[in-house]
Amino acid sequence: PPRPPSAALRPGMAAAGGAQDAPEGLVVMVNGVPGPMATEVVKACISRGIPVAPTAFCGPGKEGQLTITEGDTSVEVTCVRGPAEDSEPAVCDEALQSLLGRFPGLVCVDYTHPSAVAHNVDCYTRNRAPFVLGTTGGSLEDIKALVARRGPSAVVAPNMGKQLVAMQAALEYIADRFPGAFSGYELRVAESHQSSKADTSGTAKAVTASLAALAAVDPAVAAQGIAQVRDEEGQLAFGVPPRALGGHAFHTYELSTGRAAGGDSVQFVLQHNVCGRRVYAEGTADAAVFLAQRLAADARGCEGRVFSMVDVLEAGGMK
């Protein structure tokens, strides 16, 4: 079996409650460090006893040695420039192939930048490295086509928070069963994230699509109407605690009727507010374990497949 990069992170350490058992040989390459989301994933892996690869892709100007600590355990990661239009593909290929040679059970995790998604996925599939993609901004259809053509397999989701994914699945079911149930209602959506988030929330887009089906409105038009909040004044007004300005995900969806002549009106409001990043990091670790388990059990059957977080939940990832 592959040698873990740190004796302190050998498989079999006590896992967090509800976690799936990591298969022997799983090593996770967390790309996007020292970014906060990727760093939180490394910490979640440490707490689960999942070995972290000693090399990671990073953005320009972030190259070098990095130490990440969770509790009493630290890991050392060498950050190298990731795939980009102005980078040399052979360098990234060499780094990834070196890890795959040392750790055959390697799974890549991607929390980089929307502008890097296409380059990173091209690199993963070109080198046949299974991956978990939490970075939003890429075309899911393009990713599926690339994985189907090159393999091996992946988990792709705009939201890795298991409870939030369960809520999304429930809304999709309702929208499928009762389309137009809120016909005539006006849909308003607003989302607030830390100022460093470059794109509209993928979760907001997914939930809005379900609510648009219920309201019988064009989902594309509804998505364009999502209000983004990225300034501090607006975030505080949205209800974000000052301590969470650097890492949060607040969403509010409203379906309402106009006030009738007699004064009657109806309003439905759905909110999900997250402070911090750990819920997404824990779900990402579960996704990496799920992918490794599927590949270990039936690599040929997984070939070319792109799984979702619903697949992770259905496999028992929310025990």
C-alpha atoms as a PDB file:
ATOM      1  CA  PRO A   1       0.000   0.000   0.000  1.00  0.00           C
ATOM      2  CA  PRO A   2       1.120   3.584  -0.571  1.00  0.00           C
ATOM      3  CA  ARG A   3       3.135   5.221   2.190  1.00  0.00           C
ATOM      4  CA  PRO A   4       1.230   7.981   4.030  1.00  0.00           C
ATOM      5  CA  PRO A   5       2.990  11.338   3.872  1.00  0.00           C
ATOM      6  CA  SER A   6       2.943  11.578   7.671  1.00  0.00           C
ATOM      7  CA  ALA A   7       2.985   8.860  10.300  1.00  0.00           C
ATOM      8  CA  ALA A   8       0.577  10.998  12.296  1.00  0.00           C
ATOM      9  CA  LEU A   9      -1.986  10.669   9.508  1.00  0.00           C
ATOM     10  CA  ARG A  10      -2.049   6.930   8.995  1.00  0.00           C
ATOM     11  CA  PRO A  11      -5.441   5.468   7.955  1.00  0.00           C
ATOM     12  CA  GLY A  12      -7.508   4.219  10.847  1.00  0.00           C
ATOM     13  CA  MET A  13      -7.375   7.196  13.174  1.00  0.00           C
ATOM     14  CA  ALA A  14     -10.640   8.074  14.875  1.00  0.00           C
ATOM     15  CA  ALA A  15     -12.976   9.737  12.449  1.00  0.00           C
ATOM     16  CA  ALA A  16     -15.451  12.504  13.088  1.00  0.00           C
ATOM     17  CA  GLY A  17     -18.980  11.416  13.895  1.00  0.00           C
ATOM     18  CA  GLY A  18     -20.981  10.340  10.856  1.00  0.00           C
ATOM     19  CA  ALA A  19     -17.933   9.933   8.637  1.00  0.00           C
ATOM     20  CA  GLN A  20     -17.503   7.032   6.287  1.00  0.00           C
ATOM     21  CA  ASP A  21     -14.501   4.755   6.837  1.00  0.00           C
ATOM     22  CA  ALA A  22     -11.636   5.810   4.580  1.00  0.00           C
ATOM     23  CA  PRO A  23     -10.351   2.914   2.440  1.00  0.00           C
ATOM     24  CA  GLU A  24      -6.749   1.896   2.921  1.00  0.00           C
ATOM     25  CA  GLY A  25      -4.445   3.702   0.512  1.00  0.00           C
ATOM     26  CA  LEU A  26      -6.552   6.862   0.131  1.00  0.00           C
ATOM     27  CA  VAL A  27      -4.411   9.997  -0.038  1.00  0.00           C
ATOM     28  CA  VAL A  28      -5.996  13.374  -0.812  1.00  0.00           C
ATOM     29  CA  MET A  29      -4.295  16.068  -2.879  1.00  0.00           C
ATOM     30  CA  VAL A  30      -5.981  19.309  -1.811  1.00  0.00           C
ATOM     31  CA  ASN A  31      -5.573  21.938  -4.522  1.00  0.00           C
ATOM     32  CA  GLY A  32      -6.213  25.579  -3.767  1.00  0.00           C
ATOM     33  CA  VAL A  33      -4.180  25.923  -0.580  1.00  0.00           C
ATOM     34  CA  PRO A  34      -3.401  28.273   1.066  1.00  0.00           C
ATOM     35  CA  GLY A  35      -6.919  29.441   0.208  1.00  0.00           C
ATOM     36  CA  PRO A  36      -9.321  29.227   3.175  1.00  0.00           C
ATOM     37  CA  MET A  37     -11.653  26.575   1.732  1.00  0.00           C
ATOM     38  CA  ALA A  38      -8.865  24.243   0.655  1.00  0.00           C
ATOM     39  CA  THR A  39      -7.113  24.771   3.992  1.00  0.00           C
ATOM     40  CA  GLU A  40     -10.296  23.807   5.834  1.00  0.00           C
ATOM     41  CA  VAL A  41     -10.475  20.605   3.778  1.00  0.00           C
ATOM     42  CA  VAL A  42      -6.926  19.731   4.814  1.00  0.00           C
ATOM     43  CA  LYS A  43      -7.935  20.231   8.450  1.00  0.00           C
ATOM     44  CA  ALA A  44     -11.023  18.048   7.989  1.00  0.00           C
ATOM     45  CA  CYS A  45      -8.833  15.310   6.476  1.00  0.00           C
ATOM     46  CA  ILE A  46      -6.411  15.548   9.392  1.00  0.00           C
ATOM     47  CA  SER A  47      -9.279  15.158  11.867  1.00  0.00           C
ATOM     48  CA  ARG A  48     -10.526  12.097   9.947  1.00  0.00           C
ATOM     49  CA  GLY A  49      -7.113  10.461   9.749  1.00  0.00           C
ATOM     50  CA  ILE A  50      -7.086  10.774   5.967  1.00  0.00           C
ATOM     51  CA  PRO A  51      -3.519  11.262   4.661  1.00  0.00           C
ATOM     52  CA  VAL A  52      -2.894  14.512   2.790  1.00  0.00           C
ATOM     53  CA  ALA A  53      -0.568  14.565  -0.220  1.00  0.00           C
ATOM     54  CA  PRO A  54       2.665  16.503   0.257  1.00  0.00           C
ATOM     55  CA  THR A  55       2.133  18.502  -2.951  1.00  0.00           C
ATOM     56  CA  ALA A  56      -0.732  20.778  -4.012  1.00  0.00           C
ATOM     57  CA  PHE A  57      -1.575  23.087  -6.898  1.00  0.00           C
ATOM     58  CA  CYS A  58      -1.883  26.757  -5.991  1.00  0.00           C
ATOM     59  CA  GLY A  59      -2.474  30.088  -7.663  1.00  0.00           C
ATOM     60  CA  PRO A  60       0.200  32.492  -8.925  1.00  0.00           C
ATOM     61  CA  GLY A  61       2.393  33.952  -6.206  1.00  0.00           C
ATOM     62  CA  LYS A  62       1.412  31.291  -3.657  1.00  0.00           C
ATOM     63  CA  GLU A  63       4.212  28.822  -4.387  1.00  0.00           C
ATOM     64  CA  GLY A  64       6.336  27.493  -1.537  1.00  0.00           C
ATOM     65  CA  GLN A  65       6.181  25.445   1.652  1.00  0.00           C
ATOM     66  CA  LEU A  66       3.074  25.486   3.806  1.00  0.00           C
ATOM     67  CA  THR A  67       2.315  24.043   7.237  1.00  0.00           C
ATOM     68  CA  ILE A  68      -1.321  23.348   8.155  1.00  0.00           C
ATOM     69  CA  THR A  69      -2.226  22.378  11.708  1.00  0.00           C
ATOM     70  CA  GLU A  70      -5.348  20.804  13.173  1.00  0.00           C
ATOM     71  CA  GLY A  71      -5.253  20.031  16.866  1.00  0.00           C
ATOM     72  CA  ASP A  72      -1.890  18.480  17.686  1.00  0.00           C
ATOM     73  CA  THR A  73      -1.166  17.355  14.115  1.00  0.00           C
ATOM     74  CA  SER A  74       0.546  19.296  11.342  1.00  0.00           C
ATOM     75  CA  VAL A  75       1.164  18.490   7.698  1.00  0.00           C
ATOM     76  CA  GLU A  76       3.726  19.994   5.343  1.00  0.00           C
ATOM     77  CA  VAL A  77       2.586  20.790   1.802  1.00  0.00           C
ATOM     78  CA  THR A  78       4.652  22.044  -1.111  1.00  0.00           C
ATOM     79  CA  CYS A  79       2.551  24.409  -3.219  1.00  0.00           C
ATOM     80  CA  VAL A  80       3.316  24.472  -6.944  1.00  0.00           C
ATOM     81  CA  ARG A  81       1.722  26.649  -9.612  1.00  0.00           C
ATOM     82  CA  GLY A  82      -1.387  24.954 -10.939  1.00  0.00           C
ATOM     83  CA  PRO A  83      -2.576  24.630 -14.539  1.00  0.00           C
ATOM     84  CA  ALA A  84      -3.288  27.932 -16.286  1.00  0.00           C
ATOM     85  CA  GLU A  85      -3.128  29.520 -19.711  1.00  0.00           C
ATOM     86  CA  ASP A  86       0.331  30.927 -18.977  1.00  0.00           C
ATOM     87  CA  SER A  87       1.759  27.888 -17.151  1.00  0.00           C
ATOM     88  CA  GLU A  88       3.630  24.907 -18.550  1.00  0.00           C
ATOM     89  CA  PRO A  89       1.329  21.822 -18.623  1.00  0.00           C
ATOM     90  CA  ALA A  90       4.270  19.425 -18.421  1.00  0.00           C
ATOM     91  CA  VAL A  91       5.255  20.767 -14.996  1.00  0.00           C
ATOM     92  CA  CYS A  92       1.781  20.129 -13.573  1.00  0.00           C
ATOM     93  CA  ASP A  93       1.614  16.735 -15.269  1.00  0.00           C
ATOM     94  CA  GLU A  94       4.957  15.755 -13.761  1.00  0.00           C
ATOM     95  CA  ALA A  95       3.873  16.795 -10.263  1.00  0.00           C
ATOM     96  CA  LEU A  96       0.587  14.907 -10.530  1.00  0.00           C
ATOM     97  CA  GLN A  97       2.146  11.799 -12.077  1.00  0.00           C
ATOM     98  CA  SER A  98       4.741  11.745  -9.308  1.00  0.00           C
ATOM     99  CA  LEU A  99       1.984  11.681  -6.690  1.00  0.00           C
ATOM    100  CA  LEU A 100       0.005   9.020  -8.556  1.00  0.00           C
ATOM    101  CA  GLY A 101       3.127   6.884  -8.709  1.00  0.00           C
ATOM    102  CA  ARG A 102       3.713   7.189  -4.964  1.00  0.00           C
ATOM    103  CA  PHE A 103       0.050   7.004  -3.968  1.00  0.00           C
ATOM    104  CA  PRO A 104      -2.081   4.876  -6.350  1.00  0.00           C
ATOM    105  CA  GLY A 105      -5.137   5.673  -4.193  1.00  0.00           C
ATOM    106  CA  LEU A 106      -4.770   9.425  -4.783  1.00  0.00           C
ATOM    107  CA  VAL A 107      -7.925  11.552  -5.056  1.00  0.00           C
ATOM    108  CA  CYS A 108      -7.620  15.235  -5.994  1.00  0.00           C
ATOM    109  CA  VAL A 109      -9.801  17.855  -4.320  1.00  0.00           C
ATOM    110  CA  ASP A 110     -10.251  21.194  -6.067  1.00  0.00           C
ATOM    111  CA  TYR A 111     -11.056  24.474  -4.325  1.00  0.00           C
ATOM    112  CA  THR A 112      -9.182  26.864  -6.571  1.00  0.00           C
ATOM    113  CA  HIS A 113     -10.786  29.647  -8.641  1.00  0.00           C
ATOM    114  CA  PRO A 114     -13.581  29.671 -11.247  1.00  0.00           C
ATOM    115  CA  SER A 115     -11.080  30.787 -13.893  1.00  0.00           C
ATOM    116  CA  ALA A 116      -8.930  27.706 -13.186  1.00  0.00           C
ATOM    117  CA  VAL A 117     -11.635  25.026 -13.341  1.00  0.00           C
ATOM    118  CA  ALA A 118     -11.305  24.156 -17.029  1.00  0.00           C
ATOM    119  CA  HIS A 119      -7.496  23.984 -16.852  1.00  0.00           C
ATOM    120  CA  ASN A 120      -7.538  21.860 -13.694  1.00  0.00           C
ATOM    121  CA  VAL A 121     -10.135  19.399 -14.966  1.00  0.00           C
ATOM    122  CA  ASP A 122      -8.166  19.069 -18.194  1.00  0.00           C
ATOM    123  CA  CYS A 123      -5.072  18.227 -16.121  1.00  0.00           C
ATOM    124  CA  TYR A 124      -6.863  15.720 -13.873  1.00  0.00           C
ATOM    125  CA  THR A 125      -8.475  13.865 -16.752  1.00  0.00           C
ATOM    126  CA  ARG A 126      -5.348  14.001 -18.926  1.00  0.00           C
ATOM    127  CA  ASN A 127      -3.481  12.235 -16.131  1.00  0.00           C
ATOM    128  CA  ARG A 128      -6.423   9.997 -15.192  1.00  0.00           C
ATOM    129  CA  ALA A 129      -6.579  11.303 -11.630  1.00  0.00           C
ATOM    130  CA  PRO A 130      -9.975  10.955  -9.906  1.00  0.00           C
ATOM    131  CA  PHE A 131     -11.132  14.258  -8.455  1.00  0.00           C
ATOM    132  CA  VAL A 132     -13.678  16.006  -6.247  1.00  0.00           C
ATOM    133  CA  LEU A 133     -14.572  19.421  -7.633  1.00  0.00           C
ATOM    134  CA  GLY A 134     -16.040  21.960  -5.239  1.00  0.00           C
ATOM    135  CA  THR A 135     -14.929  25.008  -7.200  1.00  0.00           C
ATOM    136  CA  THR A 136     -17.886  26.625  -8.953  1.00  0.00           C
ATOM    137  CA  GLY A 137     -17.855  28.381 -12.298  1.00  0.00           C
ATOM    138  CA  GLY A 138     -17.185  25.516 -14.709  1.00  0.00           C
ATOM    139  CA  SER A 139     -19.597  23.965 -17.194  1.00  0.00           C
ATOM    140  CA  LEU A 140     -20.933  20.708 -15.756  1.00  0.00           C
ATOM    141  CA  GLU A 141     -21.729  19.394 -19.230  1.00  0.00           C
ATOM    142  CA  ASP A 142     -18.192  20.091 -20.439  1.00  0.00           C
ATOM    143  CA  ILE A 143     -16.751  18.400 -17.345  1.00  0.00           C
ATOM    144  CA  LYS A 144     -18.974  15.352 -17.814  1.00  0.00           C
ATOM    145  CA  ALA A 145     -17.973  15.093 -21.472  1.00  0.00           C
ATOM    146  CA  LEU A 146     -14.270  15.271 -20.609  1.00  0.00           C
ATOM    147  CA  VAL A 147     -14.529  12.665 -17.833  1.00  0.00           C
ATOM    148  CA  ALA A 148     -16.586  10.382 -20.071  1.00  0.00           C
ATOM    149  CA  ARG A 149     -13.939  10.609 -22.803  1.00  0.00           C
ATOM    150  CA  ARG A 150     -10.809  10.316 -20.660  1.00  0.00           C
ATOM    151  CA  GLY A 151     -11.907   8.981 -17.261  1.00  0.00           C
ATOM    152  CA  PRO A 152     -11.528   7.936 -14.614  1.00  0.00           C
ATOM    153  CA  SER A 153     -14.337   9.410 -12.436  1.00  0.00           C
ATOM    154  CA  ALA A 154     -15.234  12.397 -10.297  1.00  0.00           C
ATOM    155  CA  VAL A 155     -17.610  13.950  -7.792  1.00  0.00           C
ATOM    156  CA  VAL A 156     -18.776  17.402  -8.878  1.00  0.00           C
ATOM    157  CA  ALA A 157     -21.121  19.577  -6.820  1.00  0.00           C
ATOM    158  CA  PRO A 158     -21.601  23.309  -6.285  1.00  0.00           C
ATOM    159  CA  ASN A 159     -22.281  22.589  -2.627  1.00  0.00           C
ATOM    160  CA  MET A 160     -20.541  19.931  -0.545  1.00  0.00           C
ATOM    161  CA  GLY A 161     -22.526  20.588   2.646  1.00  0.00           C
ATOM    162  CA  LYS A 162     -24.433  17.330   3.157  1.00  0.00           C
ATOM    163  CA  GLN A 163     -27.440  18.817   4.942  1.00  0.00           C
ATOM    164  CA  LEU A 164     -27.772  21.555   2.337  1.00  0.00           C
ATOM    165  CA  VAL A 165     -27.556  18.970  -0.441  1.00  0.00           C
ATOM    166  CA  ALA A 166     -30.345  16.987   1.222  1.00  0.00           C
ATOM    167  CA  MET A 167     -32.478  20.140   1.265  1.00  0.00           C
ATOM    168  CA  GLN A 168     -31.722  20.775  -2.424  1.00  0.00           C
ATOM    169  CA  ALA A 169     -32.718  17.206  -3.293  1.00  0.00           C
ATOM    170  CA  ALA A 170     -36.016  17.639  -1.463  1.00  0.00           C
ATOM    171  CA  LEU A 171     -36.753  20.843  -3.374  1.00  0.00           C
ATOM    172  CA  GLU A 172     -35.928  19.179  -6.692  1.00  0.00           C
ATOM    173  CA  TYR A 173     -38.348  16.386  -5.828  1.00  0.00           C
ATOM    174  CA  ILE A 174     -41.127  18.841  -4.953  1.00  0.00           C
ATOM    175  CA  ALA A 175     -40.520  20.866  -8.110  1.00  0.00           C
ATOM    176  CA  ASP A 176     -40.640  17.695 -10.208  1.00  0.00           C
ATOM    177  CA  ARG A 177     -43.852  16.477  -8.566  1.00  0.00           C
ATOM    178  CA  PHE A 178     -45.678  19.808  -8.365  1.00  0.00           C
ATOM    179  CA  PRO A 179     -44.471  22.120 -11.143  1.00  0.00           C
ATOM    180  CA  GLY A 180     -46.337  25.424 -11.206  1.00  0.00           C
ATOM    181  CA  ALA A 181     -47.692  24.979  -7.684  1.00  0.00           C
ATOM    182  CA  PHE A 182     -46.631  28.571  -6.952  1.00  0.00           C
ATOM    183  CA  SER A 183     -47.683  29.968 -10.310  1.00  0.00           C
ATOM    184  CA  GLY A 184     -48.403  33.681  -9.968  1.00  0.00           C
ATOM    185  CA  TYR A 185     -45.984  34.112  -7.079  1.00  0.00           C
ATOM    186  CA  GLU A 186     -43.006  36.444  -7.384  1.00  0.00           C
ATOM    187  CA  LEU A 187     -39.599  34.895  -6.714  1.00  0.00           C
ATOM    188  CA  ARG A 188     -36.849  36.929  -5.046  1.00  0.00           C
ATOM    189  CA  VAL A 189     -33.414  35.510  -4.215  1.00  0.00           C
ATOM    190  CA  ALA A 190     -30.465  37.081  -2.432  1.00  0.00           C
ATOM    191  CA  GLU A 191     -27.170  35.538  -1.341  1.00  0.00           C
ATOM    192  CA  SER A 192     -24.252  36.878   0.671  1.00  0.00           C
ATOM    193  CA  HIS A 193     -20.735  35.437   0.686  1.00  0.00           C
ATOM    194  CA  GLN A 194     -17.292  36.684   1.686  1.00  0.00           C
ATOM    195  CA  SER A 195     -15.989  39.400  -0.606  1.00  0.00           C
ATOM    196  CA  SER A 196     -13.377  37.050  -2.122  1.00  0.00           C
ATOM    197  CA  LYS A 197     -16.049  34.858  -3.755  1.00  0.00           C
ATOM    198  CA  ALA A 198     -15.911  35.772  -7.423  1.00  0.00           C
ATOM    199  CA  ASP A 199     -19.106  34.227  -8.808  1.00  0.00           C
ATOM    200  CA  THR A 200     -22.765  33.798  -7.930  1.00  0.00           C
ATOM    201  CA  SER A 201     -23.427  31.018  -5.439  1.00  0.00           C
ATOM    202  CA  GLY A 202     -23.884  27.664  -7.180  1.00  0.00           C
ATOM    203  CA  THR A 203     -26.236  26.635  -4.380  1.00  0.00           C
ATOM    204  CA  ALA A 204     -28.360  29.720  -4.975  1.00  0.00           C
ATOM    205  CA  LYS A 205     -28.550  28.882  -8.675  1.00  0.00           C
ATOM    206  CA  ALA A 206     -29.575  25.267  -8.000  1.00  0.00           C
ATOM    207  CA  VAL A 207     -32.244  26.144  -5.438  1.00  0.00           C
ATOM    208  CA  THR A 208     -33.511  28.981  -7.630  1.00  0.00           C
ATOM    209  CA  ALA A 209     -33.970  26.549 -10.531  1.00  0.00           C
ATOM    210  CA  SER A 210     -36.269  24.373  -8.393  1.00  0.00           C
ATOM    211  CA  LEU A 211     -38.224  27.352  -7.076  1.00  0.00           C
ATOM    212  CA  ALA A 212     -38.548  28.734 -10.610  1.00  0.00           C
ATOM    213  CA  ALA A 213     -40.169  25.452 -11.675  1.00  0.00           C
ATOM    214  CA  LEU A 214     -42.600  25.748  -8.791  1.00  0.00           C
ATOM    215  CA  ALA A 215     -43.369  29.360  -9.717  1.00  0.00           C
ATOM    216  CA  ALA A 216     -43.596  28.559 -13.447  1.00  0.00           C
ATOM    217  CA  VAL A 217     -41.005  31.189 -14.392  1.00  0.00           C
ATOM    218  CA  ASP A 218     -38.021  30.997 -16.711  1.00  0.00           C
ATOM    219  CA  PRO A 219     -35.128  29.558 -14.643  1.00  0.00           C
ATOM    220  CA  ALA A 220     -32.560  31.538 -16.662  1.00  0.00           C
ATOM    221  CA  VAL A 221     -34.362  34.787 -15.920  1.00  0.00           C
ATOM    222  CA  ALA A 222     -34.698  33.822 -12.255  1.00  0.00           C
ATOM    223  CA  ALA A 223     -30.965  33.057 -12.039  1.00  0.00           C
ATOM    224  CA  GLN A 224     -30.100  36.431 -13.542  1.00  0.00           C
ATOM    225  CA  GLY A 225     -32.184  38.072 -10.833  1.00  0.00           C
ATOM    226  CA  ILE A 226     -30.172  36.613  -7.930  1.00  0.00           C
ATOM    227  CA  ALA A 227     -28.882  39.520  -5.837  1.00  0.00           C
ATOM    228  CA  GLN A 228     -25.226  39.139  -4.830  1.00  0.00           C
ATOM    229  CA  VAL A 229     -24.021  40.770  -1.629  1.00  0.00           C
ATOM    230  CA  ARG A 230     -20.243  41.125  -1.292  1.00  0.00           C
ATOM    231  CA  ASP A 231     -19.754  44.474   0.482  1.00  0.00           C
ATOM    232  CA  GLU A 232     -19.412  44.648   4.267  1.00  0.00           C
ATOM    233  CA  GLU A 233     -22.281  47.075   4.794  1.00  0.00           C
ATOM    234  CA  GLY A 234     -24.647  44.895   2.792  1.00  0.00           C
ATOM    235  CA  GLN A 235     -23.433  41.725   4.519  1.00  0.00           C
ATOM    236  CA  LEU A 236     -24.070  43.150   7.978  1.00  0.00           C
ATOM    237  CA  ALA A 237     -27.522  44.335   6.875  1.00  0.00           C
ATOM    238  CA  PHE A 238     -28.169  40.810   5.595  1.00  0.00           C
ATOM    239  CA  GLY A 239     -27.624  39.524   9.137  1.00  0.00           C
ATOM    240  CA  VAL A 240     -24.073  38.215   8.814  1.00  0.00           C
ATOM    241  CA  PRO A 241     -22.250  38.367  12.181  1.00  0.00           C
ATOM    242  CA  PRO A 242     -19.087  40.514  12.027  1.00  0.00           C
ATOM    243  CA  ARG A 243     -16.956  37.494  12.993  1.00  0.00           C
ATOM    244  CA  ALA A 244     -18.171  35.628   9.872  1.00  0.00           C
ATOM    245  CA  LEU A 245     -17.566  38.328   7.260  1.00  0.00           C
ATOM    246  CA  GLY A 246     -14.490  36.460   6.039  1.00  0.00           C
ATOM    247  CA  GLY A 247     -16.314  33.150   5.574  1.00  0.00           C
ATOM    248  CA  HIS A 248     -20.070  32.717   5.310  1.00  0.00           C
ATOM    249  CA  ALA A 249     -22.911  31.661   3.011  1.00  0.00           C
ATOM    250  CA  PHE A 250     -26.269  33.321   3.709  1.00  0.00           C
ATOM    251  CA  HIS A 251     -29.196  32.677   1.356  1.00  0.00           C
ATOM    252  CA  THR A 252     -32.776  33.944   1.386  1.00  0.00           C
ATOM    253  CA  TYR A 253     -35.456  32.853  -1.095  1.00  0.00           C
ATOM    254  CA  GLU A 254     -38.908  34.426  -1.083  1.00  0.00           C
ATOM    255  CA  LEU A 255     -42.077  33.446  -2.940  1.00  0.00           C
ATOM    256  CA  SER A 256     -44.871  35.945  -2.429  1.00  0.00           C
ATOM    257  CA  THR A 257     -48.085  37.267  -3.884  1.00  0.00           C
ATOM    258  CA  GLY A 258     -48.885  40.905  -4.269  1.00  0.00           C
ATOM    259  CA  ARG A 259     -51.308  42.401  -1.776  1.00  0.00           C
ATOM    260  CA  ALA A 260     -54.834  41.844  -3.034  1.00  0.00           C
ATOM    261  CA  ALA A 261     -57.554  44.468  -2.944  1.00  0.00           C
ATOM    262  CA  GLY A 262     -58.881  43.010   0.294  1.00  0.00           C
ATOM    263  CA  GLY A 263     -55.432  43.129   1.889  1.00  0.00           C
ATOM    264  CA  ASP A 264     -54.723  39.399   1.578  1.00  0.00           C
ATOM    265  CA  SER A 265     -51.207  38.244   0.776  1.00  0.00           C
ATOM    266  CA  VAL A 266     -49.119  35.088   1.048  1.00  0.00           C
ATOM    267  CA  GLN A 267     -45.376  34.863   1.654  1.00  0.00           C
ATOM    268  CA  PHE A 268     -43.053  31.845   1.827  1.00  0.00           C
ATOM    269  CA  VAL A 269     -39.451  32.396   2.924  1.00  0.00           C
ATOM    270  CA  LEU A 270     -36.643  29.837   2.879  1.00  0.00           C
ATOM    271  CA  GLN A 271     -33.299  30.610   4.511  1.00  0.00           C
ATOM    272  CA  HIS A 272     -30.077  28.704   5.050  1.00  0.00           C
ATOM    273  CA  ASN A 273     -27.242  30.575   6.713  1.00  0.00           C
ATOM    274  CA  VAL A 274     -23.785  29.149   7.272  1.00  0.00           C
ATOM    275  CA  CYS A 275     -20.971  30.799   9.222  1.00  0.00           C
ATOM    276  CA  GLY A 276     -17.573  29.317   8.484  1.00  0.00           C
ATOM    277  CA  ARG A 277     -16.533  26.561   6.079  1.00  0.00           C
ATOM    278  CA  ARG A 278     -16.318  23.362   8.087  1.00  0.00           C
ATOM    279  CA  VAL A 279     -19.672  21.932   6.956  1.00  0.00           C
ATOM    280  CA  TYR A 280     -18.436  22.056   3.335  1.00  0.00           C
ATOM    281  CA  ALA A 281     -15.015  20.668   4.242  1.00  0.00           C
ATOM    282  CA  GLU A 282     -16.538  17.678   6.054  1.00  0.00           C
ATOM    283  CA  GLY A 283     -18.775  16.941   3.076  1.00  0.00           C
ATOM    284  CA  THR A 284     -15.787  17.201   0.749  1.00  0.00           C
ATOM    285  CA  ALA A 285     -13.872  14.665   2.827  1.00  0.00           C
ATOM    286  CA  ASP A 286     -16.910  12.359   2.611  1.00  0.00           C
ATOM    287  CA  ALA A 287     -16.960  12.809  -1.173  1.00  0.00           C
ATOM    288  CA  ALA A 288     -13.279  11.846  -1.433  1.00  0.00           C
ATOM    289  CA  VAL A 289     -13.879   8.748   0.698  1.00  0.00           C
ATOM    290  CA  PHE A 290     -16.948   7.844  -1.402  1.00  0.00           C
ATOM    291  CA  LEU A 291     -14.995   8.141  -4.658  1.00  0.00           C
ATOM    292  CA  ALA A 292     -12.116   6.067  -3.324  1.00  0.00           C
ATOM    293  CA  GLN A 293     -14.528   3.398  -2.108  1.00  0.00           C
ATOM    294  CA  ARG A 294     -16.309   3.225  -5.465  1.00  0.00           C
ATOM    295  CA  LEU A 295     -13.029   2.966  -7.351  1.00  0.00           C
ATOM    296  CA  ALA A 296     -11.735   0.262  -5.012  1.00  0.00           C
ATOM    297  CA  ALA A 297     -14.940  -1.753  -5.354  1.00  0.00           C
ATOM    298  CA  ASP A 298     -15.565  -1.371  -9.098  1.00  0.00           C
ATOM    299  CA  ALA A 299     -13.051   0.760 -10.973  1.00  0.00           C
ATOM    300  CA  ARG A 300     -14.329  -0.384 -14.368  1.00  0.00           C
ATOM    301  CA  GLY A 301     -17.943   0.361 -13.469  1.00  0.00           C
ATOM    302  CA  CYS A 302     -16.958   3.867 -12.323  1.00  0.00           C
ATOM    303  CA  GLU A 303     -15.007   4.650 -15.477  1.00  0.00           C
ATOM    304  CA  GLY A 304     -16.126   7.934 -17.025  1.00  0.00           C
ATOM    305  CA  ARG A 305     -18.773   8.668 -14.392  1.00  0.00           C
ATOM    306  CA  VAL A 306     -19.409  11.995 -12.703  1.00  0.00           C
ATOM    307  CA  PHE A 307     -21.154  11.549  -9.365  1.00  0.00           C
ATOM    308  CA  SER A 308     -23.054  14.177  -7.379  1.00  0.00           C
ATOM    309  CA  MET A 309     -23.321  14.776  -3.662  1.00  0.00           C
ATOM    310  CA  VAL A 310     -26.725  13.106  -3.784  1.00  0.00           C
ATOM    311  CA  ASP A 311     -24.897   9.927  -4.813  1.00  0.00           C
ATOM    312  CA  VAL A 312     -22.647  10.392  -1.778  1.00  0.00           C
ATOM    313  CA  LEU A 313     -25.675  10.735   0.516  1.00  0.00           C
ATOM    314  CA  GLU A 314     -27.439   7.753  -1.014  1.00  0.00           C
ATOM    315  CA  ALA A 315     -24.323   5.657  -0.422  1.00  0.00           C
ATOM    316  CA  GLY A 316     -24.558   6.355   3.300  1.00  0.00           C
ATOM    317  CA  GLY A 317     -22.424   9.449   3.560  1.00  0.00           C
ATOM    318  CA  MET A 318     -24.865  11.046   6.010  1.00  0.00           C
ATOM    319  CA  LYS A 319     -24.962   8.427   8.747  1.00  0.00           C
END
